[in-house]
């Protein structure tokens, strides 16, 4: 039986934040708009920003919730970019 390594949740979250940033750049979506898209208050945004730069994983919102929010925000921006390219 093949062995499976545990998922590195922190690495997945950091990668998703990088993806959101990459999709946001051409659309000129600034950090405050990203914060609002992720439904974060300013305090949570600061904690998650610190996490993105190798800080500790914030307890709120839960990592699974943040992954869903990041996926939703990235999808919406990618869809918008695709529509505006047409």
C-alpha atoms as a PDB file:
ATOM      1  CA  UNK A   1       0.000   0.000   0.000  1.00  0.00           C
ATOM      2  CA  UNK A   2       1.373   3.410  -0.944  1.00  0.00           C
ATOM      3  CA  UNK A   3       2.042   5.764   1.899  1.00  0.00           C
ATOM      4  CA  UNK A   4       0.396   9.153   1.873  1.00  0.00           C
ATOM      5  CA  UNK A   5       1.886  12.209   3.453  1.00  0.00           C
ATOM      6  CA  UNK A   6      -0.424  14.459   5.417  1.00  0.00           C
ATOM      7  CA  UNK A   7      -1.628  17.565   3.674  1.00  0.00           C
ATOM      8  CA  UNK A   8       0.340  20.638   4.640  1.00  0.00           C
ATOM      9  CA  UNK A   9      -2.615  22.940   5.260  1.00  0.00           C
ATOM     10  CA  UNK A  10      -0.419  25.992   5.749  1.00  0.00           C
ATOM     11  CA  UNK A  11       1.313  25.447   2.404  1.00  0.00           C
ATOM     12  CA  UNK A  12      -2.020  24.979   0.621  1.00  0.00           C
ATOM     13  CA  UNK A  13      -3.398  28.175   2.161  1.00  0.00           C
ATOM     14  CA  UNK A  14      -0.291  30.183   1.264  1.00  0.00           C
ATOM     15  CA  UNK A  15      -0.470  28.893  -2.319  1.00  0.00           C
ATOM     16  CA  UNK A  16      -4.133  29.870  -2.540  1.00  0.00           C
ATOM     17  CA  UNK A  17      -3.327  33.377  -1.289  1.00  0.00           C
ATOM     18  CA  UNK A  18      -0.611  33.654  -3.969  1.00  0.00           C
ATOM     19  CA  UNK A  19      -3.109  32.544  -6.596  1.00  0.00           C
ATOM     20  CA  UNK A  20      -5.610  35.157  -5.420  1.00  0.00           C
ATOM     21  CA  UNK A  21      -2.908  37.828  -5.626  1.00  0.00           C
ATOM     22  CA  UNK A  22      -1.909  36.750  -9.148  1.00  0.00           C
ATOM     23  CA  UNK A  23      -5.505  36.840 -10.367  1.00  0.00           C
ATOM     24  CA  UNK A  24      -6.105  40.178  -8.606  1.00  0.00           C
ATOM     25  CA  UNK A  25      -3.157  42.026 -10.145  1.00  0.00           C
ATOM     26  CA  UNK A  26      -4.374  42.448 -13.742  1.00  0.00           C
ATOM     27  CA  UNK A  27      -7.797  43.506 -12.448  1.00  0.00           C
ATOM     28  CA  UNK A  28      -6.191  46.032 -10.068  1.00  0.00           C
ATOM     29  CA  UNK A  29      -7.972  44.553  -7.047  1.00  0.00           C
ATOM     30  CA  UNK A  30      -6.207  46.053  -4.057  1.00  0.00           C
ATOM     31  CA  UNK A  31      -5.590  44.442  -0.670  1.00  0.00           C
ATOM     32  CA  UNK A  32      -8.628  46.079   0.944  1.00  0.00           C
ATOM     33  CA  UNK A  33     -10.920  44.710  -1.750  1.00  0.00           C
ATOM     34  CA  UNK A  34      -9.352  41.273  -1.342  1.00  0.00           C
ATOM     35  CA  UNK A  35     -10.002  41.541   2.405  1.00  0.00           C
ATOM     36  CA  UNK A  36     -13.652  42.332   1.790  1.00  0.00           C
ATOM     37  CA  UNK A  37     -13.986  39.512  -0.754  1.00  0.00           C
ATOM     38  CA  UNK A  38     -12.688  37.127   1.895  1.00  0.00           C
ATOM     39  CA  UNK A  39     -15.184  38.500   4.434  1.00  0.00           C
ATOM     40  CA  UNK A  40     -12.443  39.430   6.905  1.00  0.00           C
ATOM     41  CA  UNK A  41     -12.453  42.296   9.355  1.00  0.00           C
ATOM     42  CA  UNK A  42      -9.270  44.328   9.595  1.00  0.00           C
ATOM     43  CA  UNK A  43      -7.935  42.399  12.597  1.00  0.00           C
ATOM     44  CA  UNK A  44      -8.376  39.027  10.894  1.00  0.00           C
ATOM     45  CA  UNK A  45      -6.856  40.455   7.707  1.00  0.00           C
ATOM     46  CA  UNK A  46      -3.732  41.498   9.630  1.00  0.00           C
ATOM     47  CA  UNK A  47      -3.426  38.022  11.185  1.00  0.00           C
ATOM     48  CA  UNK A  48      -3.885  36.305   7.811  1.00  0.00           C
ATOM     49  CA  UNK A  49      -1.431  38.726   6.167  1.00  0.00           C
ATOM     50  CA  UNK A  50       1.140  37.824   8.818  1.00  0.00           C
ATOM     51  CA  UNK A  51       0.427  34.141   8.164  1.00  0.00           C
ATOM     52  CA  UNK A  52       1.003  34.636   4.438  1.00  0.00           C
ATOM     53  CA  UNK A  53       4.507  35.867   5.302  1.00  0.00           C
ATOM     54  CA  UNK A  54       5.322  32.708   7.299  1.00  0.00           C
ATOM     55  CA  UNK A  55       3.513  33.659  10.486  1.00  0.00           C
ATOM     56  CA  UNK A  56       1.348  31.372  12.595  1.00  0.00           C
ATOM     57  CA  UNK A  57      -1.894  29.951  11.219  1.00  0.00           C
ATOM     58  CA  UNK A  58      -4.733  32.119  12.580  1.00  0.00           C
ATOM     59  CA  UNK A  59      -7.500  30.316  14.451  1.00  0.00           C
ATOM     60  CA  UNK A  60     -10.259  32.429  12.901  1.00  0.00           C
ATOM     61  CA  UNK A  61     -11.739  31.820  10.483  1.00  0.00           C
ATOM     62  CA  UNK A  62     -11.010  28.121  10.425  1.00  0.00           C
ATOM     63  CA  UNK A  63      -8.566  26.972   7.720  1.00  0.00           C
ATOM     64  CA  UNK A  64     -11.292  25.034   5.878  1.00  0.00           C
ATOM     65  CA  UNK A  65     -13.501  28.138   5.818  1.00  0.00           C
ATOM     66  CA  UNK A  66     -10.629  30.267   4.548  1.00  0.00           C
ATOM     67  CA  UNK A  67      -9.835  27.757   1.802  1.00  0.00           C
ATOM     68  CA  UNK A  68     -13.447  27.919   0.600  1.00  0.00           C
ATOM     69  CA  UNK A  69     -13.415  31.712   0.702  1.00  0.00           C
ATOM     70  CA  UNK A  70     -10.133  31.868  -1.202  1.00  0.00           C
ATOM     71  CA  UNK A  71     -11.450  29.464  -3.832  1.00  0.00           C
ATOM     72  CA  UNK A  72     -14.660  31.427  -4.263  1.00  0.00           C
ATOM     73  CA  UNK A  73     -12.890  34.790  -4.496  1.00  0.00           C
ATOM     74  CA  UNK A  74     -10.296  33.476  -6.952  1.00  0.00           C
ATOM     75  CA  UNK A  75     -12.960  31.871  -9.126  1.00  0.00           C
ATOM     76  CA  UNK A  76     -15.009  35.072  -9.234  1.00  0.00           C
ATOM     77  CA  UNK A  77     -12.000  37.171 -10.185  1.00  0.00           C
ATOM     78  CA  UNK A  78     -10.862  34.667 -12.819  1.00  0.00           C
ATOM     79  CA  UNK A  79     -14.372  34.686 -14.304  1.00  0.00           C
ATOM     80  CA  UNK A  80     -14.380  38.481 -14.350  1.00  0.00           C
ATOM     81  CA  UNK A  81     -10.966  38.545 -16.022  1.00  0.00           C
ATOM     82  CA  UNK A  82     -12.131  36.084 -18.633  1.00  0.00           C
ATOM     83  CA  UNK A  83     -15.268  38.106 -19.409  1.00  0.00           C
ATOM     84  CA  UNK A  84     -13.347  41.358 -19.650  1.00  0.00           C
ATOM     85  CA  UNK A  85     -10.843  39.736 -22.040  1.00  0.00           C
ATOM     86  CA  UNK A  86     -13.649  38.916 -24.506  1.00  0.00           C
END
